[in-house]
Amino acid sequence: MSAEPQSISINLGWSTHGGWLLGRFLGHKLDRRASADRLFWVMIDDVISCRIQSDTLSTEQMPLSKLPVEFHTEVKRLIGRSLELARWCVECETLQYITPPE
């Protein structure tokens, strides 16, 4: 009988619409070989909250449902995707910048 994957909190940020989208996500580690010892694979399971930071707009952390539509769609693209992330960023819950989700 295999154990349930342990949920981890992941902080991600990416450039979007002239500013930055910063999000806190739930995910779990995948049993997949990473390209280097300092990296590992995680699956993004859910969105906890997000905030937007730009020259014209700055928001508090908010649930996905309160995010403006143009950002909502972008964030939802991450759910169910696997990413290779820096081990120390995930373990220390440090913000990690990624390429915008497509």
PDB file of N, CA and C in Angstrom:
ATOM      1  N   MET A   1       0.842  -1.168   0.000  1.00  0.00           N
ATOM      2  CA  MET A   1       0.000   0.000   0.000  1.00  0.00           C
ATOM      3  C   MET A   1       0.896   1.242   0.000  1.00  0.00           C
ATOM      4  N   SER A   2       0.725   2.123  -0.976  1.00  0.00           N
ATOM      5  CA  SER A   2       1.565   3.321  -1.064  1.00  0.00           C
ATOM      6  C   SER A   2       0.979   4.455  -0.225  1.00  0.00           C
ATOM      7  N   ALA A   3       1.867   5.278   0.290  1.00  0.00           N
ATOM      8  CA  ALA A   3       1.447   6.410   1.126  1.00  0.00           C
ATOM      9  C   ALA A   3       0.908   7.538   0.254  1.00  0.00           C
ATOM     10  N   GLU A   4      -0.017   8.291   0.813  1.00  0.00           N
ATOM     11  CA  GLU A   4      -0.543   9.471   0.125  1.00  0.00           C
ATOM     12  C   GLU A   4       0.574  10.499  -0.014  1.00  0.00           C
ATOM     13  N   PRO A   5       0.656  11.200  -1.152  1.00  0.00           N
ATOM     14  CA  PRO A   5       1.685  12.235  -1.277  1.00  0.00           C
ATOM     15  C   PRO A   5       1.441  13.354  -0.263  1.00  0.00           C
ATOM     16  N   GLN A   6       2.526  13.848   0.313  1.00  0.00           N
ATOM     17  CA  GLN A   6       2.426  14.918   1.303  1.00  0.00           C
ATOM     18  C   GLN A   6       2.303  16.256   0.591  1.00  0.00           C
ATOM     19  N   SER A   7       1.296  17.040   0.965  1.00  0.00           N
ATOM     20  CA  SER A   7       1.107  18.367   0.366  1.00  0.00           C
ATOM     21  C   SER A   7       2.201  19.318   0.820  1.00  0.00           C
ATOM     22  N   ILE A   8       2.656  20.142  -0.113  1.00  0.00           N
ATOM     23  CA  ILE A   8       3.645  21.166   0.192  1.00  0.00           C
ATOM     24  C   ILE A   8       3.147  22.506  -0.333  1.00  0.00           C
ATOM     25  N   SER A   9       3.587  23.558   0.294  1.00  0.00           N
ATOM     26  CA  SER A   9       3.236  24.910  -0.125  1.00  0.00           C
ATOM     27  C   SER A   9       4.331  25.418  -1.057  1.00  0.00           C
ATOM     28  N   ILE A  10       3.930  26.001  -2.179  1.00  0.00           N
ATOM     29  CA  ILE A  10       4.875  26.453  -3.197  1.00  0.00           C
ATOM     30  C   ILE A  10       4.551  27.900  -3.547  1.00  0.00           C
ATOM     31  N   ASN A  11       5.548  28.766  -3.513  1.00  0.00           N
ATOM     32  CA  ASN A  11       5.380  30.182  -3.864  1.00  0.00           C
ATOM     33  C   ASN A  11       5.987  30.429  -5.234  1.00  0.00           C
ATOM     34  N   LEU A  12       5.156  30.826  -6.192  1.00  0.00           N
ATOM     35  CA  LEU A  12       5.610  31.047  -7.562  1.00  0.00           C
ATOM     36  C   LEU A  12       5.276  32.461  -8.010  1.00  0.00           C
ATOM     37  N   GLY A  13       6.094  33.007  -8.881  1.00  0.00           N
ATOM     38  CA  GLY A  13       5.838  34.324  -9.448  1.00  0.00           C
ATOM     39  C   GLY A  13       6.270  34.354 -10.903  1.00  0.00           C
ATOM     40  N   TRP A  14       5.567  35.137 -11.715  1.00  0.00           N
ATOM     41  CA  TRP A  14       5.947  35.302 -13.114  1.00  0.00           C
ATOM     42  C   TRP A  14       5.488  36.650 -13.630  1.00  0.00           C
ATOM     43  N   SER A  15       6.174  37.090 -14.682  1.00  0.00           N
ATOM     44  CA  SER A  15       5.880  38.365 -15.321  1.00  0.00           C
ATOM     45  C   SER A  15       4.619  38.225 -16.167  1.00  0.00           C
ATOM     46  N   THR A  16       3.721  39.223 -16.040  1.00  0.00           N
ATOM     47  CA  THR A  16       2.468  39.166 -16.785  1.00  0.00           C
ATOM     48  C   THR A  16       1.837  40.542 -16.903  1.00  0.00           C
ATOM     49  N   HIS A  17       1.278  40.866 -18.028  1.00  0.00           N
ATOM     50  CA  HIS A  17       0.512  42.099 -18.236  1.00  0.00           C
ATOM     51  C   HIS A  17       1.201  43.343 -17.658  1.00  0.00           C
ATOM     52  N   GLY A  18       2.504  43.474 -17.871  1.00  0.00           N
ATOM     53  CA  GLY A  18       3.222  44.651 -17.404  1.00  0.00           C
ATOM     54  C   GLY A  18       3.530  44.671 -15.924  1.00  0.00           C
ATOM     55  N   GLY A  19       3.376  43.539 -15.254  1.00  0.00           N
ATOM     56  CA  GLY A  19       3.662  43.472 -13.824  1.00  0.00           C
ATOM     57  C   GLY A  19       4.044  42.062 -13.422  1.00  0.00           C
ATOM     58  N   TRP A  20       3.760  41.719 -12.180  1.00  0.00           N
ATOM     59  CA  TRP A  20       4.073  40.397 -11.650  1.00  0.00           C
ATOM     60  C   TRP A  20       2.843  39.764 -11.022  1.00  0.00           C
ATOM     61  N   LEU A  21       2.671  38.490 -11.238  1.00  0.00           N
ATOM     62  CA  LEU A  21       1.644  37.724 -10.559  1.00  0.00           C
ATOM     63  C   LEU A  21       2.374  36.815  -9.576  1.00  0.00           C
ATOM     64  N   LEU A  22       2.031  36.916  -8.313  1.00  0.00           N
ATOM     65  CA  LEU A  22       2.674  36.144  -7.255  1.00  0.00           C
ATOM     66  C   LEU A  22       1.632  35.244  -6.615  1.00  0.00           C
ATOM     67  N   GLY A  23       1.889  33.955  -6.592  1.00  0.00           N
ATOM     68  CA  GLY A  23       0.889  33.024  -6.087  1.00  0.00           C
ATOM     69  C   GLY A  23       1.436  32.031  -5.093  1.00  0.00           C
ATOM     70  N   ARG A  24       0.547  31.576  -4.238  1.00  0.00           N
ATOM     71  CA  ARG A  24       0.855  30.520  -3.264  1.00  0.00           C
ATOM     72  C   ARG A  24       0.010  29.316  -3.671  1.00  0.00           C
ATOM     73  N   PHE A  25       0.667  28.196  -3.898  1.00  0.00           N
ATOM     74  CA  PHE A  25       0.017  27.004  -4.424  1.00  0.00           C
ATOM     75  C   PHE A  25       0.228  25.810  -3.499  1.00  0.00           C
ATOM     76  N   LEU A  26      -0.656  24.827  -3.615  1.00  0.00           N
ATOM     77  CA  LEU A  26      -0.470  23.531  -2.965  1.00  0.00           C
ATOM     78  C   LEU A  26      -0.022  22.550  -4.030  1.00  0.00           C
ATOM     79  N   GLY A  27       0.891  21.690  -3.659  1.00  0.00           N
ATOM     80  CA  GLY A  27       1.361  20.686  -4.594  1.00  0.00           C
ATOM     81  C   GLY A  27       1.914  19.496  -3.842  1.00  0.00           C
ATOM     82  N   HIS A  28       2.517  18.580  -4.579  1.00  0.00           N
ATOM     83  CA  HIS A  28       3.190  17.447  -3.954  1.00  0.00           C
ATOM     84  C   HIS A  28       4.384  17.049  -4.808  1.00  0.00           C
ATOM     85  N   LYS A  29       5.382  16.463  -4.139  1.00  0.00           N
ATOM     86  CA  LYS A  29       6.586  16.014  -4.837  1.00  0.00           C
ATOM     87  C   LYS A  29       6.256  14.798  -5.687  1.00  0.00           C
ATOM     88  N   LEU A  30       6.869  14.747  -6.862  1.00  0.00           N
ATOM     89  CA  LEU A  30       6.702  13.607  -7.755  1.00  0.00           C
ATOM     90  C   LEU A  30       7.923  12.700  -7.652  1.00  0.00           C
ATOM     91  N   ASP A  31       7.705  11.428  -7.847  1.00  0.00           N
ATOM     92  CA  ASP A  31       8.800  10.461  -7.838  1.00  0.00           C
ATOM     93  C   ASP A  31       9.385  10.395  -9.252  1.00  0.00           C
ATOM     94  N   ARG A  32      10.049  11.466  -9.638  1.00  0.00           N
ATOM     95  CA  ARG A  32      10.624  11.586 -10.980  1.00  0.00           C
ATOM     96  C   ARG A  32      12.038  12.134 -10.827  1.00  0.00           C
ATOM     97  N   ARG A  33      12.962  11.582 -11.564  1.00  0.00           N
ATOM     98  CA  ARG A  33      14.362  12.013 -11.469  1.00  0.00           C
ATOM     99  C   ARG A  33      14.512  13.436 -12.011  1.00  0.00           C
ATOM    100  N   ALA A  34      15.116  14.305 -11.203  1.00  0.00           N
ATOM    101  CA  ALA A  34      15.346  15.698 -11.600  1.00  0.00           C
ATOM    102  C   ALA A  34      16.658  15.796 -12.373  1.00  0.00           C
ATOM    103  N   SER A  35      16.839  16.901 -13.079  1.00  0.00           N
ATOM    104  CA  SER A  35      18.038  17.096 -13.889  1.00  0.00           C
ATOM    105  C   SER A  35      19.277  17.422 -13.055  1.00  0.00           C
ATOM    106  N   ALA A  36      19.096  17.749 -11.778  1.00  0.00           N
ATOM    107  CA  ALA A  36      20.217  18.032 -10.878  1.00  0.00           C
ATOM    108  C   ALA A  36      19.780  17.759  -9.441  1.00  0.00           C
ATOM    109  N   ASP A  37      20.749  17.529  -8.558  1.00  0.00           N
ATOM    110  CA  ASP A  37      20.445  17.233  -7.152  1.00  0.00           C
ATOM    111  C   ASP A  37      19.699  18.359  -6.459  1.00  0.00           C
ATOM    112  N   ARG A  38      19.934  19.582  -6.865  1.00  0.00           N
ATOM    113  CA  ARG A  38      19.310  20.725  -6.183  1.00  0.00           C
ATOM    114  C   ARG A  38      17.880  20.999  -6.671  1.00  0.00           C
ATOM    115  N   LEU A  39      17.395  20.157  -7.567  1.00  0.00           N
ATOM    116  CA  LEU A  39      16.052  20.319  -8.132  1.00  0.00           C
ATOM    117  C   LEU A  39      15.191  19.105  -7.820  1.00  0.00           C
ATOM    118  N   PHE A  40      13.875  19.300  -7.864  1.00  0.00           N
ATOM    119  CA  PHE A  40      12.965  18.157  -7.867  1.00  0.00           C
ATOM    120  C   PHE A  40      11.666  18.549  -8.553  1.00  0.00           C
ATOM    121  N   TRP A  41      10.889  17.539  -8.893  1.00  0.00           N
ATOM    122  CA  TRP A  41       9.636  17.748  -9.609  1.00  0.00           C
ATOM    123  C   TRP A  41       8.480  17.837  -8.621  1.00  0.00           C
ATOM    124  N   VAL A  42       7.586  18.772  -8.882  1.00  0.00           N
ATOM    125  CA  VAL A  42       6.363  18.885  -8.087  1.00  0.00           C
ATOM    126  C   VAL A  42       5.164  18.982  -9.026  1.00  0.00           C
ATOM    127  N   MET A  43       4.036  18.506  -8.550  1.00  0.00           N
ATOM    128  CA  MET A  43       2.766  18.643  -9.262  1.00  0.00           C
ATOM    129  C   MET A  43       1.981  19.730  -8.551  1.00  0.00           C
ATOM    130  N   ILE A  44       1.457  20.692  -9.314  1.00  0.00           N
ATOM    131  CA  ILE A  44       0.635  21.754  -8.742  1.00  0.00           C
ATOM    132  C   ILE A  44      -0.794  21.227  -8.627  1.00  0.00           C
ATOM    133  N   ASP A  45      -1.311  21.187  -7.397  1.00  0.00           N
ATOM    134  CA  ASP A  45      -2.641  20.625  -7.142  1.00  0.00           C
ATOM    135  C   ASP A  45      -3.732  21.679  -7.008  1.00  0.00           C
ATOM    136  N   ASP A  46      -3.401  22.827  -6.437  1.00  0.00           N
ATOM    137  CA  ASP A  46      -4.434  23.829  -6.171  1.00  0.00           C
ATOM    138  C   ASP A  46      -3.793  25.193  -5.939  1.00  0.00           C
ATOM    139  N   VAL A  47      -4.626  26.219  -5.991  1.00  0.00           N
ATOM    140  CA  VAL A  47      -4.198  27.596  -5.738  1.00  0.00           C
ATOM    141  C   VAL A  47      -4.690  27.993  -4.350  1.00  0.00           C
ATOM    142  N   ILE A  48      -3.807  28.520  -3.515  1.00  0.00           N
ATOM    143  CA  ILE A  48      -4.217  29.021  -2.202  1.00  0.00           C
ATOM    144  C   ILE A  48      -4.638  30.475  -2.338  1.00  0.00           C
ATOM    145  N   SER A  49      -3.738  31.301  -2.877  1.00  0.00           N
ATOM    146  CA  SER A  49      -4.042  32.727  -3.057  1.00  0.00           C
ATOM    147  C   SER A  49      -3.042  33.333  -4.030  1.00  0.00           C
ATOM    148  N   CYS A  50      -3.378  34.523  -4.526  1.00  0.00           N
ATOM    149  CA  CYS A  50      -2.522  35.230  -5.477  1.00  0.00           C
ATOM    150  C   CYS A  50      -2.553  36.720  -5.186  1.00  0.00           C
ATOM    151  N   ARG A  51      -1.563  37.413  -5.699  1.00  0.00           N
ATOM    152  CA  ARG A  51      -1.583  38.870  -5.669  1.00  0.00           C
ATOM    153  C   ARG A  51      -0.940  39.374  -6.945  1.00  0.00           C
ATOM    154  N   ILE A  52      -1.310  40.583  -7.323  1.00  0.00           N
ATOM    155  CA  ILE A  52      -0.807  41.213  -8.534  1.00  0.00           C
ATOM    156  C   ILE A  52      -0.020  42.442  -8.121  1.00  0.00           C
ATOM    157  N   GLN A  53       1.132  42.636  -8.744  1.00  0.00           N
ATOM    158  CA  GLN A  53       1.960  43.801  -8.455  1.00  0.00           C
ATOM    159  C   GLN A  53       2.427  44.401  -9.781  1.00  0.00           C
ATOM    160  N   SER A  54       2.026  45.639 -10.048  1.00  0.00           N
ATOM    161  CA  SER A  54       2.479  46.344 -11.247  1.00  0.00           C
ATOM    162  C   SER A  54       2.513  47.833 -10.952  1.00  0.00           C
ATOM    163  N   ASP A  55       2.880  48.624 -11.956  1.00  0.00           N
ATOM    164  CA  ASP A  55       2.920  50.080 -11.786  1.00  0.00           C
ATOM    165  C   ASP A  55       1.533  50.660 -11.531  1.00  0.00           C
ATOM    166  N   THR A  56       0.506  50.019 -12.088  1.00  0.00           N
ATOM    167  CA  THR A  56      -0.846  50.572 -11.986  1.00  0.00           C
ATOM    168  C   THR A  56      -1.776  49.804 -11.055  1.00  0.00           C
ATOM    169  N   LEU A  57      -1.363  48.629 -10.604  1.00  0.00           N
ATOM    170  CA  LEU A  57      -2.246  47.796  -9.793  1.00  0.00           C
ATOM    171  C   LEU A  57      -1.437  47.027  -8.756  1.00  0.00           C
ATOM    172  N   SER A  58      -1.899  47.053  -7.536  1.00  0.00           N
ATOM    173  CA  SER A  58      -1.287  46.260  -6.476  1.00  0.00           C
ATOM    174  C   SER A  58      -2.420  45.733  -5.604  1.00  0.00           C
ATOM    175  N   THR A  59      -2.458  44.443  -5.419  1.00  0.00           N
ATOM    176  CA  THR A  59      -3.535  43.843  -4.635  1.00  0.00           C
ATOM    177  C   THR A  59      -2.965  43.112  -3.427  1.00  0.00           C
ATOM    178  N   GLU A  60      -3.826  42.848  -2.475  1.00  0.00           N
ATOM    179  CA  GLU A  60      -3.482  41.981  -1.349  1.00  0.00           C
ATOM    180  C   GLU A  60      -3.595  40.539  -1.840  1.00  0.00           C
ATOM    181  N   GLN A  61      -3.098  39.593  -1.038  1.00  0.00           N
ATOM    182  CA  GLN A  61      -3.313  38.187  -1.357  1.00  0.00           C
ATOM    183  C   GLN A  61      -4.819  37.947  -1.392  1.00  0.00           C
ATOM    184  N   MET A  62      -5.289  37.246  -2.412  1.00  0.00           N
ATOM    185  CA  MET A  62      -6.719  36.986  -2.551  1.00  0.00           C
ATOM    186  C   MET A  62      -6.939  35.604  -3.133  1.00  0.00           C
ATOM    187  N   PRO A  63      -8.117  35.016  -2.882  1.00  0.00           N
ATOM    188  CA  PRO A  63      -8.416  33.724  -3.497  1.00  0.00           C
ATOM    189  C   PRO A  63      -8.549  33.881  -5.010  1.00  0.00           C
ATOM    190  N   LEU A  64      -8.363  32.796  -5.711  1.00  0.00           N
ATOM    191  CA  LEU A  64      -8.431  32.800  -7.173  1.00  0.00           C
ATOM    192  C   LEU A  64      -9.735  33.394  -7.684  1.00  0.00           C
ATOM    193  N   SER A  65     -10.836  33.126  -7.020  1.00  0.00           N
ATOM    194  CA  SER A  65     -12.149  33.604  -7.473  1.00  0.00           C
ATOM    195  C   SER A  65     -12.250  35.131  -7.484  1.00  0.00           C
ATOM    196  N   LYS A  66     -11.433  35.813  -6.720  1.00  0.00           N
ATOM    197  CA  LYS A  66     -11.479  37.282  -6.654  1.00  0.00           C
ATOM    198  C   LYS A  66     -10.492  37.946  -7.617  1.00  0.00           C
ATOM    199  N   LEU A  67      -9.657  37.170  -8.262  1.00  0.00           N
ATOM    200  CA  LEU A  67      -8.653  37.691  -9.185  1.00  0.00           C
ATOM    201  C   LEU A  67      -9.314  38.181 -10.468  1.00  0.00           C
ATOM    202  N   PRO A  68      -8.837  39.292 -11.067  1.00  0.00           N
ATOM    203  CA  PRO A  68      -9.381  39.726 -12.359  1.00  0.00           C
ATOM    204  C   PRO A  68      -9.290  38.595 -13.393  1.00  0.00           C
ATOM    205  N   VAL A  69     -10.267  38.531 -14.292  1.00  0.00           N
ATOM    206  CA  VAL A  69     -10.408  37.420 -15.239  1.00  0.00           C
ATOM    207  C   VAL A  69      -9.138  37.144 -16.035  1.00  0.00           C
ATOM    208  N   GLU A  70      -8.462  38.173 -16.525  1.00  0.00           N
ATOM    209  CA  GLU A  70      -7.272  37.948 -17.356  1.00  0.00           C
ATOM    210  C   GLU A  70      -6.163  37.226 -16.586  1.00  0.00           C
ATOM    211  N   PHE A  71      -6.132  37.372 -15.281  1.00  0.00           N
ATOM    212  CA  PHE A  71      -5.137  36.682 -14.463  1.00  0.00           C
ATOM    213  C   PHE A  71      -5.659  35.317 -14.005  1.00  0.00           C
ATOM    214  N   HIS A  72      -6.940  35.230 -13.776  1.00  0.00           N
ATOM    215  CA  HIS A  72      -7.590  33.996 -13.318  1.00  0.00           C
ATOM    216  C   HIS A  72      -7.261  32.841 -14.261  1.00  0.00           C
ATOM    217  N   THR A  73      -7.426  33.061 -15.555  1.00  0.00           N
ATOM    218  CA  THR A  73      -7.182  32.033 -16.564  1.00  0.00           C
ATOM    219  C   THR A  73      -5.725  31.588 -16.541  1.00  0.00           C
ATOM    220  N   GLU A  74      -4.826  32.543 -16.428  1.00  0.00           N
ATOM    221  CA  GLU A  74      -3.395  32.243 -16.421  1.00  0.00           C
ATOM    222  C   GLU A  74      -3.007  31.364 -15.227  1.00  0.00           C
ATOM    223  N   VAL A  75      -3.522  31.689 -14.066  1.00  0.00           N
ATOM    224  CA  VAL A  75      -3.216  30.927 -12.854  1.00  0.00           C
ATOM    225  C   VAL A  75      -3.787  29.513 -12.950  1.00  0.00           C
ATOM    226  N   LYS A  76      -5.005  29.367 -13.455  1.00  0.00           N
ATOM    227  CA  LYS A  76      -5.655  28.049 -13.562  1.00  0.00           C
ATOM    228  C   LYS A  76      -4.864  27.098 -14.454  1.00  0.00           C
ATOM    229  N   ARG A  77      -4.082  27.639 -15.394  1.00  0.00           N
ATOM    230  CA  ARG A  77      -3.287  26.787 -16.286  1.00  0.00           C
ATOM    231  C   ARG A  77      -2.230  25.984 -15.537  1.00  0.00           C
ATOM    232  N   LEU A  78      -1.856  26.425 -14.355  1.00  0.00           N
ATOM    233  CA  LEU A  78      -0.831  25.713 -13.583  1.00  0.00           C
ATOM    234  C   LEU A  78      -1.364  24.472 -12.874  1.00  0.00           C
ATOM    235  N   ILE A  79      -2.648  24.454 -12.566  1.00  0.00           N
ATOM    236  CA  ILE A  79      -3.217  23.325 -11.828  1.00  0.00           C
ATOM    237  C   ILE A  79      -3.129  22.059 -12.685  1.00  0.00           C
ATOM    238  N   GLY A  80      -2.558  21.021 -12.095  1.00  0.00           N
ATOM    239  CA  GLY A  80      -2.386  19.759 -12.803  1.00  0.00           C
ATOM    240  C   GLY A  80      -1.102  19.656 -13.599  1.00  0.00           C
ATOM    241  N   ARG A  81      -0.274  20.687 -13.555  1.00  0.00           N
ATOM    242  CA  ARG A  81       0.994  20.658 -14.288  1.00  0.00           C
ATOM    243  C   ARG A  81       2.137  20.299 -13.355  1.00  0.00           C
ATOM    244  N   SER A  82       3.153  19.677 -13.919  1.00  0.00           N
ATOM    245  CA  SER A  82       4.350  19.372 -13.134  1.00  0.00           C
ATOM    246  C   SER A  82       5.442  20.368 -13.513  1.00  0.00           C
ATOM    247  N   LEU A  83       6.212  20.771 -12.511  1.00  0.00           N
ATOM    248  CA  LEU A  83       7.293  21.732 -12.696  1.00  0.00           C
ATOM    249  C   LEU A  83       8.547  21.219 -12.003  1.00  0.00           C
ATOM    250  N   GLU A  84       9.696  21.475 -12.611  1.00  0.00           N
ATOM    251  CA  GLU A  84      10.969  21.167 -11.963  1.00  0.00           C
ATOM    252  C   GLU A  84      11.410  22.431 -11.237  1.00  0.00           C
ATOM    253  N   LEU A  85      11.480  22.365  -9.916  1.00  0.00           N
ATOM    254  CA  LEU A  85      11.745  23.541  -9.095  1.00  0.00           C
ATOM    255  C   LEU A  85      12.977  23.342  -8.224  1.00  0.00           C
ATOM    256  N   ALA A  86      13.537  24.462  -7.772  1.00  0.00           N
ATOM    257  CA  ALA A  86      14.692  24.418  -6.871  1.00  0.00           C
ATOM    258  C   ALA A  86      14.260  23.865  -5.518  1.00  0.00           C
ATOM    259  N   ARG A  87      14.962  22.856  -5.062  1.00  0.00           N
ATOM    260  CA  ARG A  87      14.635  22.187  -3.800  1.00  0.00           C
ATOM    261  C   ARG A  87      14.595  23.163  -2.634  1.00  0.00           C
ATOM    262  N   TRP A  88      15.595  24.041  -2.504  1.00  0.00           N
ATOM    263  CA  TRP A  88      15.640  24.949  -1.345  1.00  0.00           C
ATOM    264  C   TRP A  88      14.505  25.960  -1.373  1.00  0.00           C
ATOM    265  N   CYS A  89      14.061  26.378  -2.561  1.00  0.00           N
ATOM    266  CA  CYS A  89      12.939  27.326  -2.641  1.00  0.00           C
ATOM    267  C   CYS A  89      11.661  26.694  -2.096  1.00  0.00           C
ATOM    268  N   VAL A  90      11.441  25.444  -2.425  1.00  0.00           N
ATOM    269  CA  VAL A  90      10.233  24.763  -1.957  1.00  0.00           C
ATOM    270  C   VAL A  90      10.344  24.459  -0.467  1.00  0.00           C
ATOM    271  N   GLU A  91      11.485  23.933  -0.046  1.00  0.00           N
ATOM    272  CA  GLU A  91      11.651  23.570   1.366  1.00  0.00           C
ATOM    273  C   GLU A  91      11.597  24.779   2.288  1.00  0.00           C
ATOM    274  N   CYS A  92      12.096  25.921   1.828  1.00  0.00           N
ATOM    275  CA  CYS A  92      12.104  27.146   2.655  1.00  0.00           C
ATOM    276  C   CYS A  92      10.917  28.054   2.347  1.00  0.00           C
ATOM    277  N   GLU A  93      10.013  27.605   1.474  1.00  0.00           N
ATOM    278  CA  GLU A  93       8.843  28.378   1.047  1.00  0.00           C
ATOM    279  C   GLU A  93       9.236  29.757   0.527  1.00  0.00           C
ATOM    280  N   THR A  94      10.331  29.800  -0.238  1.00  0.00           N
ATOM    281  CA  THR A  94      10.827  31.025  -0.851  1.00  0.00           C
ATOM    282  C   THR A  94      10.189  31.195  -2.224  1.00  0.00           C
ATOM    283  N   LEU A  95       9.955  32.440  -2.618  1.00  0.00           N
ATOM    284  CA  LEU A  95       9.371  32.723  -3.930  1.00  0.00           C
ATOM    285  C   LEU A  95      10.298  32.241  -5.036  1.00  0.00           C
ATOM    286  N   GLN A  96       9.749  31.547  -6.007  1.00  0.00           N
ATOM    287  CA  GLN A  96      10.501  31.049  -7.143  1.00  0.00           C
ATOM    288  C   GLN A  96       9.869  31.588  -8.422  1.00  0.00           C
ATOM    289  N   TYR A  97      10.683  32.231  -9.249  1.00  0.00           N
ATOM    290  CA  TYR A  97      10.179  32.796 -10.500  1.00  0.00           C
ATOM    291  C   TYR A  97      10.189  31.735 -11.580  1.00  0.00           C
ATOM    292  N   ILE A  98       9.110  31.697 -12.363  1.00  0.00           N
ATOM    293  CA  ILE A  98       8.968  30.709 -13.429  1.00  0.00           C
ATOM    294  C   ILE A  98       8.598  31.415 -14.728  1.00  0.00           C
ATOM    295  N   THR A  99       8.661  30.665 -15.827  1.00  0.00           N
ATOM    296  CA  THR A  99       8.173  31.152 -17.112  1.00  0.00           C
ATOM    297  C   THR A  99       6.652  31.176 -17.039  1.00  0.00           C
ATOM    298  N   PRO A 100       6.003  32.218 -17.569  1.00  0.00           N
ATOM    299  CA  PRO A 100       4.532  32.273 -17.503  1.00  0.00           C
ATOM    300  C   PRO A 100       3.889  31.009 -18.072  1.00  0.00           C
ATOM    301  N   PRO A 101       2.846  30.501 -17.426  1.00  0.00           N
ATOM    302  CA  PRO A 101       2.162  29.301 -17.923  1.00  0.00           C
ATOM    303  C   PRO A 101       1.506  29.554 -19.273  1.00  0.00           C
ATOM    304  N   GLU A 102       1.601  28.574 -20.157  1.00  0.00           N
ATOM    305  CA  GLU A 102       0.985  28.698 -21.491  1.00  0.00           C
ATOM    306  C   GLU A 102      -0.203  27.791 -21.617  1.00  0.00           C
TER     307      GLU A 102
END
